[in-house]
Amino acid sequence: MEVENKLIPSMREGINVVKMIFFKKFSGLLSEKYPDQEKKYVSMLSGAVLNDLFGTPNLEEPFKSFSERNKRRIEEELAGIAHNLEYMLIPLTDALRMQFLCDSQEGNDGSIILSRAEDLGILLKDRELPMPHHFMELVRRLGSSYNLIVAPEPNGDVSRNVN
């Protein structure tokens, strides 16, 4: 079905916007927490935590080795997300759930990722599962507030000039 063929890629784009925002905010947090570390370390740690949270480890070098060497710190940082980035819990919950739904449609089981996020206090159990259009509205608001995407004009015109 054509709608489904377009829906999953659109949802995945939305998930990626949430991931980019999380990466940006989390990198800033880690830069403050580890002021003596190089920017590259903070970036790699942020990426490793993000990839671990979403169950998408980067198996290419040097990322794989970094994740193996820093497994304990990655776990510590994952455990602190719910407390340190509480304002990201709604978009993370929605993105993780949308990822689960997309994965399910493609025949993959991502339930362990949701369970782990719940155990870490990241997944808001009481939050209703968003409908795709509600998720995309959240993504558009967040993405435009972080200058990652251009939010459509109220009349549907997305051709405005962004400076």
N, C-alpha and C. Protein backbone atom coordinates (compact mmCIF):
# COMPACT_ATOMS: atom_id res chain seq x y z
N MET A 1 0.84 -1.18 0.00
CA MET A 1 0.00 0.00 0.00
C MET A 1 0.89 1.25 0.00
N GLU A 2 0.55 2.25 -0.82
CA GLU A 2 1.37 3.44 -0.99
C GLU A 2 1.48 4.27 0.29
N VAL A 3 0.37 4.37 1.05
CA VAL A 3 0.39 5.14 2.29
C VAL A 3 1.42 4.55 3.26
N GLU A 4 1.41 3.24 3.43
CA GLU A 4 2.36 2.59 4.32
C GLU A 4 3.78 2.77 3.83
N ASN A 5 3.97 2.73 2.50
CA ASN A 5 5.31 2.91 1.94
C ASN A 5 5.86 4.29 2.24
N LYS A 6 5.00 5.28 2.40
CA LYS A 6 5.43 6.64 2.72
C LYS A 6 5.45 6.90 4.22
N LEU A 7 4.58 6.23 4.96
CA LEU A 7 4.44 6.48 6.38
C LEU A 7 5.68 6.06 7.17
N ILE A 8 6.17 4.87 6.94
CA ILE A 8 7.33 4.40 7.71
C ILE A 8 8.56 5.27 7.48
N PRO A 9 8.92 5.59 6.23
CA PRO A 9 10.07 6.49 6.05
C PRO A 9 9.86 7.86 6.70
N SER A 10 8.64 8.37 6.66
CA SER A 10 8.35 9.66 7.31
C SER A 10 8.52 9.56 8.83
N MET A 11 8.02 8.47 9.40
CA MET A 11 8.16 8.27 10.84
C MET A 11 9.65 8.14 11.22
N ARG A 12 10.39 7.43 10.40
CA ARG A 12 11.83 7.26 10.67
C ARG A 12 12.57 8.60 10.59
N GLU A 13 12.15 9.46 9.67
CA GLU A 13 12.74 10.80 9.61
C GLU A 13 12.43 11.57 10.89
N GLY A 14 11.20 11.44 11.37
CA GLY A 14 10.82 12.08 12.62
C GLY A 14 11.63 11.55 13.79
N ILE A 15 11.81 10.25 13.83
CA ILE A 15 12.63 9.63 14.88
C ILE A 15 14.04 10.20 14.83
N ASN A 16 14.58 10.35 13.64
CA ASN A 16 15.93 10.89 13.49
C ASN A 16 16.03 12.34 13.95
N VAL A 17 14.98 13.12 13.78
CA VAL A 17 14.99 14.49 14.28
C VAL A 17 15.07 14.48 15.81
N VAL A 18 14.28 13.63 16.45
CA VAL A 18 14.34 13.51 17.91
C VAL A 18 15.74 13.07 18.34
N LYS A 19 16.32 12.14 17.61
CA LYS A 19 17.67 11.67 17.93
C LYS A 19 18.68 12.81 17.81
N MET A 20 18.55 13.63 16.77
CA MET A 20 19.48 14.76 16.60
C MET A 20 19.37 15.75 17.76
N ILE A 21 18.14 16.03 18.16
CA ILE A 21 17.94 16.96 19.27
C ILE A 21 18.51 16.37 20.55
N PHE A 22 18.23 15.10 20.79
CA PHE A 22 18.78 14.45 21.98
C PHE A 22 20.31 14.50 21.94
N PHE A 23 20.89 14.18 20.81
CA PHE A 23 22.35 14.20 20.68
C PHE A 23 22.90 15.59 21.01
N LYS A 24 22.27 16.61 20.48
CA LYS A 24 22.72 17.99 20.71
C LYS A 24 22.64 18.35 22.19
N LYS A 25 21.50 18.07 22.81
CA LYS A 25 21.32 18.40 24.22
C LYS A 25 22.21 17.55 25.12
N PHE A 26 22.32 16.28 24.80
CA PHE A 26 23.12 15.37 25.62
C PHE A 26 24.61 15.71 25.49
N SER A 27 25.06 16.06 24.30
CA SER A 27 26.46 16.46 24.11
C SER A 27 26.79 17.69 24.95
N GLY A 28 25.85 18.64 24.98
CA GLY A 28 26.06 19.83 25.81
C GLY A 28 26.17 19.48 27.28
N LEU A 29 25.32 18.58 27.73
CA LEU A 29 25.35 18.13 29.11
C LEU A 29 26.68 17.44 29.43
N LEU A 30 27.11 16.57 28.53
CA LEU A 30 28.37 15.85 28.76
C LEU A 30 29.59 16.77 28.67
N SER A 31 29.51 17.80 27.84
CA SER A 31 30.62 18.77 27.77
C SER A 31 30.81 19.46 29.11
N GLU A 32 29.70 19.78 29.77
CA GLU A 32 29.77 20.38 31.10
C GLU A 32 30.25 19.37 32.14
N LYS A 33 29.81 18.15 32.01
CA LYS A 33 30.16 17.12 32.99
C LYS A 33 31.62 16.69 32.87
N TYR A 34 32.14 16.68 31.64
CA TYR A 34 33.52 16.25 31.40
C TYR A 34 34.29 17.37 30.70
N PRO A 35 34.54 18.49 31.41
CA PRO A 35 35.18 19.64 30.75
C PRO A 35 36.63 19.37 30.31
N ASP A 36 37.27 18.38 30.91
CA ASP A 36 38.65 18.08 30.55
C ASP A 36 38.77 17.13 29.36
N GLN A 37 37.65 16.60 28.91
CA GLN A 37 37.68 15.67 27.78
C GLN A 37 37.62 16.44 26.46
N GLU A 38 38.23 15.85 25.46
CA GLU A 38 38.18 16.45 24.12
C GLU A 38 36.76 16.41 23.59
N LYS A 39 36.48 17.31 22.66
CA LYS A 39 35.16 17.36 22.03
C LYS A 39 34.84 16.04 21.34
N LYS A 40 35.84 15.41 20.75
CA LYS A 40 35.63 14.14 20.06
C LYS A 40 35.14 13.06 21.03
N TYR A 41 35.72 13.02 22.22
CA TYR A 41 35.31 12.04 23.22
C TYR A 41 33.84 12.25 23.59
N VAL A 42 33.49 13.50 23.87
CA VAL A 42 32.11 13.83 24.25
C VAL A 42 31.16 13.45 23.13
N SER A 43 31.54 13.74 21.92
CA SER A 43 30.69 13.41 20.77
C SER A 43 30.53 11.90 20.62
N MET A 44 31.62 11.17 20.77
CA MET A 44 31.55 9.71 20.64
C MET A 44 30.74 9.10 21.78
N LEU A 45 30.90 9.63 22.98
CA LEU A 45 30.12 9.13 24.12
C LEU A 45 28.64 9.43 23.92
N SER A 46 28.33 10.62 23.47
CA SER A 46 26.93 10.97 23.20
C SER A 46 26.32 10.04 22.16
N GLY A 47 27.07 9.81 21.10
CA GLY A 47 26.60 8.92 20.04
C GLY A 47 26.42 7.49 20.53
N ALA A 48 27.35 7.03 21.35
CA ALA A 48 27.28 5.66 21.86
C ALA A 48 26.06 5.49 22.78
N VAL A 49 25.78 6.49 23.60
CA VAL A 49 24.62 6.43 24.49
C VAL A 49 23.34 6.44 23.65
N LEU A 50 23.28 7.34 22.68
CA LEU A 50 22.11 7.42 21.80
C LEU A 50 21.89 6.10 21.07
N ASN A 51 22.93 5.56 20.49
CA ASN A 51 22.82 4.30 19.75
C ASN A 51 22.40 3.16 20.66
N ASP A 52 22.92 3.15 21.87
CA ASP A 52 22.54 2.11 22.83
C ASP A 52 21.07 2.24 23.20
N LEU A 53 20.63 3.45 23.48
CA LEU A 53 19.24 3.69 23.86
C LEU A 53 18.28 3.21 22.78
N PHE A 54 18.60 3.48 21.52
CA PHE A 54 17.72 3.12 20.42
C PHE A 54 18.04 1.75 19.83
N GLY A 55 18.98 1.04 20.43
CA GLY A 55 19.29 -0.31 19.96
C GLY A 55 19.91 -0.35 18.57
N THR A 56 20.70 0.68 18.27
CA THR A 56 21.32 0.78 16.95
C THR A 56 22.83 1.00 17.09
N PRO A 57 23.54 0.03 17.63
CA PRO A 57 24.98 0.22 17.83
C PRO A 57 25.71 0.40 16.50
N ASN A 58 26.72 1.25 16.54
CA ASN A 58 27.55 1.45 15.36
C ASN A 58 28.67 0.42 15.41
N LEU A 59 28.66 -0.51 14.48
CA LEU A 59 29.61 -1.62 14.49
C LEU A 59 30.88 -1.32 13.70
N GLU A 60 30.99 -0.09 13.20
CA GLU A 60 32.19 0.30 12.47
C GLU A 60 33.21 0.88 13.43
N GLU A 61 34.47 0.73 13.06
CA GLU A 61 35.54 1.33 13.85
C GLU A 61 35.64 2.81 13.51
N PRO A 62 36.01 3.63 14.44
CA PRO A 62 36.47 3.38 15.81
C PRO A 62 35.32 3.32 16.83
N PHE A 63 34.08 3.42 16.34
CA PHE A 63 32.93 3.51 17.24
C PHE A 63 32.71 2.23 18.04
N LYS A 64 32.90 1.10 17.39
CA LYS A 64 32.71 -0.18 18.07
C LYS A 64 33.68 -0.33 19.23
N SER A 65 34.95 -0.05 18.98
CA SER A 65 35.96 -0.16 20.04
C SER A 65 35.70 0.85 21.15
N PHE A 66 35.30 2.05 20.78
CA PHE A 66 34.99 3.07 21.79
C PHE A 66 33.89 2.57 22.71
N SER A 67 32.83 2.04 22.13
CA SER A 67 31.70 1.55 22.93
C SER A 67 32.12 0.41 23.84
N GLU A 68 32.95 -0.48 23.35
CA GLU A 68 33.43 -1.59 24.18
C GLU A 68 34.29 -1.08 25.34
N ARG A 69 35.19 -0.13 25.06
CA ARG A 69 36.07 0.41 26.10
C ARG A 69 35.31 1.24 27.14
N ASN A 70 34.22 1.84 26.73
CA ASN A 70 33.49 2.76 27.61
C ASN A 70 32.11 2.24 28.02
N LYS A 71 31.96 0.93 28.00
CA LYS A 71 30.66 0.31 28.30
C LYS A 71 30.10 0.77 29.65
N ARG A 72 30.96 0.80 30.67
CA ARG A 72 30.51 1.18 32.01
C ARG A 72 30.01 2.63 32.03
N ARG A 73 30.76 3.53 31.39
CA ARG A 73 30.35 4.94 31.38
C ARG A 73 29.06 5.11 30.56
N ILE A 74 28.93 4.39 29.48
CA ILE A 74 27.71 4.45 28.67
C ILE A 74 26.51 4.04 29.52
N GLU A 75 26.66 2.97 30.28
CA GLU A 75 25.58 2.51 31.17
C GLU A 75 25.26 3.56 32.23
N GLU A 76 26.29 4.18 32.79
CA GLU A 76 26.08 5.23 33.80
C GLU A 76 25.31 6.40 33.21
N GLU A 77 25.69 6.80 32.01
CA GLU A 77 25.03 7.94 31.38
C GLU A 77 23.59 7.60 31.00
N LEU A 78 23.36 6.38 30.52
CA LEU A 78 22.00 5.94 30.22
C LEU A 78 21.13 6.01 31.47
N ALA A 79 21.68 5.58 32.59
CA ALA A 79 20.95 5.56 33.85
C ALA A 79 20.58 6.97 34.33
N GLY A 80 21.31 7.98 33.88
CA GLY A 80 21.05 9.35 34.32
C GLY A 80 20.16 10.16 33.41
N ILE A 81 19.79 9.63 32.26
CA ILE A 81 19.00 10.40 31.30
C ILE A 81 17.68 10.87 31.89
N ALA A 82 16.96 10.00 32.54
CA ALA A 82 15.64 10.35 33.08
C ALA A 82 15.73 11.53 34.05
N HIS A 83 16.79 11.61 34.78
CA HIS A 83 16.97 12.69 35.75
C HIS A 83 17.57 13.94 35.09
N ASN A 84 18.59 13.75 34.27
CA ASN A 84 19.33 14.87 33.71
C ASN A 84 18.68 15.53 32.51
N LEU A 85 17.86 14.80 31.79
CA LEU A 85 17.20 15.34 30.60
C LEU A 85 15.70 15.06 30.65
N GLU A 86 15.11 15.37 31.79
CA GLU A 86 13.69 15.08 32.00
C GLU A 86 12.82 15.69 30.91
N TYR A 87 13.18 16.87 30.43
CA TYR A 87 12.39 17.54 29.40
C TYR A 87 12.43 16.82 28.05
N MET A 88 13.31 15.84 27.90
CA MET A 88 13.39 15.06 26.66
C MET A 88 12.59 13.76 26.74
N LEU A 89 12.00 13.45 27.89
CA LEU A 89 11.34 12.16 28.05
C LEU A 89 10.12 11.98 27.14
N ILE A 90 9.34 13.02 26.93
CA ILE A 90 8.18 12.88 26.04
C ILE A 90 8.63 12.60 24.61
N PRO A 91 9.52 13.43 24.03
CA PRO A 91 9.93 13.10 22.66
C PRO A 91 10.67 11.76 22.56
N LEU A 92 11.47 11.41 23.57
CA LEU A 92 12.16 10.12 23.53
C LEU A 92 11.16 8.97 23.60
N THR A 93 10.19 9.09 24.49
CA THR A 93 9.16 8.05 24.61
C THR A 93 8.44 7.86 23.27
N ASP A 94 8.02 8.96 22.68
CA ASP A 94 7.29 8.88 21.42
C ASP A 94 8.17 8.33 20.30
N ALA A 95 9.43 8.76 20.24
CA ALA A 95 10.34 8.28 19.19
C ALA A 95 10.63 6.79 19.37
N LEU A 96 10.85 6.35 20.60
CA LEU A 96 11.10 4.92 20.84
C LEU A 96 9.89 4.08 20.46
N ARG A 97 8.72 4.57 20.79
CA ARG A 97 7.50 3.84 20.44
C ARG A 97 7.27 3.82 18.93
N MET A 98 7.52 4.93 18.28
CA MET A 98 7.38 4.97 16.82
C MET A 98 8.40 4.04 16.16
N GLN A 99 9.61 4.01 16.71
CA GLN A 99 10.61 3.10 16.18
C GLN A 99 10.14 1.66 16.32
N PHE A 100 9.56 1.34 17.47
CA PHE A 100 9.02 0.00 17.70
C PHE A 100 7.96 -0.34 16.66
N LEU A 101 7.04 0.61 16.41
CA LEU A 101 5.98 0.37 15.44
C LEU A 101 6.55 0.19 14.02
N CYS A 102 7.50 1.02 13.66
CA CYS A 102 8.13 0.90 12.33
C CYS A 102 8.85 -0.44 12.21
N ASP A 103 9.61 -0.78 13.25
CA ASP A 103 10.33 -2.07 13.24
C ASP A 103 9.35 -3.23 13.13
N SER A 104 8.24 -3.15 13.87
CA SER A 104 7.24 -4.21 13.83
C SER A 104 6.66 -4.37 12.43
N GLN A 105 6.39 -3.27 11.76
CA GLN A 105 5.87 -3.31 10.39
C GLN A 105 6.87 -3.95 9.43
N GLU A 106 8.15 -3.86 9.78
CA GLU A 106 9.20 -4.45 8.94
C GLU A 106 9.61 -5.84 9.42
N GLY A 107 8.86 -6.37 10.40
CA GLY A 107 9.10 -7.73 10.85
C GLY A 107 10.17 -7.88 11.92
N ASN A 108 10.54 -6.78 12.57
CA ASN A 108 11.56 -6.83 13.63
C ASN A 108 10.92 -6.58 14.99
N ASP A 109 11.43 -7.26 16.00
CA ASP A 109 10.91 -7.10 17.35
C ASP A 109 11.82 -6.17 18.14
N GLY A 110 11.30 -5.02 18.50
CA GLY A 110 12.06 -4.06 19.27
C GLY A 110 11.58 -3.93 20.70
N SER A 111 10.85 -4.92 21.17
CA SER A 111 10.28 -4.82 22.51
C SER A 111 11.34 -4.74 23.60
N ILE A 112 12.50 -5.35 23.39
CA ILE A 112 13.56 -5.29 24.40
C ILE A 112 14.07 -3.86 24.57
N ILE A 113 14.05 -3.07 23.50
CA ILE A 113 14.48 -1.68 23.57
C ILE A 113 13.50 -0.88 24.41
N LEU A 114 12.21 -1.11 24.20
CA LEU A 114 11.20 -0.42 25.01
C LEU A 114 11.29 -0.83 26.48
N SER A 115 11.48 -2.11 26.73
CA SER A 115 11.59 -2.60 28.11
C SER A 115 12.78 -1.97 28.82
N ARG A 116 13.89 -1.90 28.11
CA ARG A 116 15.10 -1.32 28.71
C ARG A 116 14.89 0.16 29.00
N ALA A 117 14.28 0.89 28.05
CA ALA A 117 14.01 2.31 28.26
C ALA A 117 13.07 2.50 29.46
N GLU A 118 12.12 1.60 29.60
CA GLU A 118 11.22 1.67 30.75
C GLU A 118 11.99 1.42 32.05
N ASP A 119 12.86 0.43 32.05
CA ASP A 119 13.67 0.13 33.23
C ASP A 119 14.57 1.31 33.61
N LEU A 120 15.01 2.07 32.62
CA LEU A 120 15.89 3.22 32.86
C LEU A 120 15.09 4.47 33.28
N GLY A 121 13.77 4.36 33.26
CA GLY A 121 12.93 5.50 33.62
C GLY A 121 12.78 6.50 32.48
N ILE A 122 13.16 6.12 31.28
CA ILE A 122 13.08 7.01 30.12
C ILE A 122 11.72 6.91 29.44
N LEU A 123 11.20 5.72 29.35
CA LEU A 123 9.91 5.50 28.70
C LEU A 123 8.79 5.84 29.67
N LEU A 124 7.96 6.79 29.29
CA LEU A 124 6.84 7.19 30.12
C LEU A 124 5.67 6.25 29.86
N LYS A 125 5.48 5.29 30.74
CA LYS A 125 4.46 4.25 30.55
C LYS A 125 3.05 4.82 30.45
N ASP A 126 2.75 5.85 31.21
CA ASP A 126 1.41 6.40 31.25
C ASP A 126 1.08 7.29 30.05
N ARG A 127 2.07 7.58 29.24
CA ARG A 127 1.83 8.42 28.06
C ARG A 127 1.17 7.58 26.98
N GLU A 128 0.11 8.12 26.41
CA GLU A 128 -0.59 7.40 25.34
C GLU A 128 0.29 7.29 24.12
N LEU A 129 0.10 6.21 23.39
CA LEU A 129 0.81 6.02 22.13
C LEU A 129 0.33 7.08 21.15
N PRO A 130 1.27 7.88 20.61
CA PRO A 130 0.83 8.95 19.70
C PRO A 130 0.44 8.40 18.34
N MET A 131 -0.53 9.04 17.76
CA MET A 131 -0.89 8.75 16.37
C MET A 131 0.23 9.33 15.52
N PRO A 132 0.47 8.77 14.35
CA PRO A 132 1.56 9.28 13.51
C PRO A 132 1.51 10.79 13.27
N HIS A 133 0.33 11.34 13.02
CA HIS A 133 0.27 12.79 12.75
C HIS A 133 0.60 13.60 14.01
N HIS A 134 0.25 13.11 15.19
CA HIS A 134 0.62 13.80 16.42
C HIS A 134 2.13 13.74 16.65
N PHE A 135 2.71 12.60 16.35
CA PHE A 135 4.16 12.46 16.48
C PHE A 135 4.85 13.44 15.53
N MET A 136 4.39 13.51 14.30
CA MET A 136 5.01 14.40 13.32
C MET A 136 4.81 15.87 13.70
N GLU A 137 3.69 16.21 14.33
CA GLU A 137 3.49 17.58 14.82
C GLU A 137 4.52 17.90 15.90
N LEU A 138 4.73 16.98 16.82
CA LEU A 138 5.74 17.15 17.86
C LEU A 138 7.12 17.32 17.23
N VAL A 139 7.43 16.48 16.27
CA VAL A 139 8.73 16.55 15.60
C VAL A 139 8.90 17.90 14.89
N ARG A 140 7.86 18.35 14.21
CA ARG A 140 7.95 19.65 13.51
C ARG A 140 8.19 20.79 14.49
N ARG A 141 7.46 20.78 15.61
CA ARG A 141 7.65 21.84 16.61
C ARG A 141 9.06 21.81 17.17
N LEU A 142 9.50 20.62 17.58
CA LEU A 142 10.84 20.49 18.14
C LEU A 142 11.92 20.81 17.11
N GLY A 143 11.77 20.23 15.94
CA GLY A 143 12.77 20.43 14.89
C GLY A 143 12.91 21.88 14.49
N SER A 144 11.79 22.59 14.39
CA SER A 144 11.87 24.01 14.02
C SER A 144 12.43 24.84 15.17
N SER A 145 12.13 24.47 16.41
CA SER A 145 12.66 25.23 17.55
C SER A 145 14.18 25.07 17.68
N TYR A 146 14.72 24.00 17.15
CA TYR A 146 16.16 23.77 17.16
C TYR A 146 16.79 24.03 15.79
N ASN A 147 16.02 24.66 14.91
CA ASN A 147 16.48 24.99 13.55
C ASN A 147 16.98 23.77 12.78
N LEU A 148 16.34 22.65 13.00
CA LEU A 148 16.70 21.43 12.26
C LEU A 148 15.80 21.21 11.06
N ILE A 149 14.57 21.71 11.15
CA ILE A 149 13.63 21.60 10.03
C ILE A 149 12.83 22.89 9.95
N VAL A 150 12.24 23.11 8.81
CA VAL A 150 11.38 24.27 8.61
C VAL A 150 9.95 23.82 8.86
N ALA A 151 9.32 24.45 9.82
CA ALA A 151 7.92 24.13 10.11
C ALA A 151 7.06 24.73 9.03
N PRO A 152 6.02 24.01 8.61
CA PRO A 152 5.15 24.55 7.57
C PRO A 152 4.39 25.77 8.08
N GLU A 153 4.12 26.69 7.17
CA GLU A 153 3.31 27.86 7.50
C GLU A 153 1.88 27.38 7.79
N PRO A 154 1.12 28.14 8.55
CA PRO A 154 -0.27 27.73 8.83
C PRO A 154 -1.09 27.45 7.59
N ASN A 155 -0.81 28.14 6.48
CA ASN A 155 -1.57 27.90 5.26
C ASN A 155 -0.98 26.77 4.42
N GLY A 156 0.03 26.09 4.97
CA GLY A 156 0.63 24.95 4.27
C GLY A 156 1.83 25.31 3.42
N ASP A 157 2.20 26.60 3.33
CA ASP A 157 3.34 27.02 2.51
C ASP A 157 4.64 26.76 3.26
N VAL A 158 5.48 25.92 2.69
CA VAL A 158 6.76 25.61 3.32
C VAL A 158 7.90 26.25 2.54
N SER A 159 7.59 27.19 1.68
CA SER A 159 8.62 27.77 0.82
C SER A 159 9.22 29.06 1.40
N ARG A 160 8.96 29.33 2.68
CA ARG A 160 9.50 30.57 3.25
C ARG A 160 11.01 30.52 3.33
N ASN A 161 11.60 31.66 3.34
CA ASN A 161 13.05 31.79 3.38
C ASN A 161 13.51 31.69 4.83
N VAL A 162 14.46 30.83 5.10
CA VAL A 162 14.97 30.63 6.45
C VAL A 162 16.36 31.23 6.53
N ASN A 163 16.53 32.22 7.38
CA ASN A 163 17.85 32.86 7.58
C ASN A 163 18.21 32.83 9.03
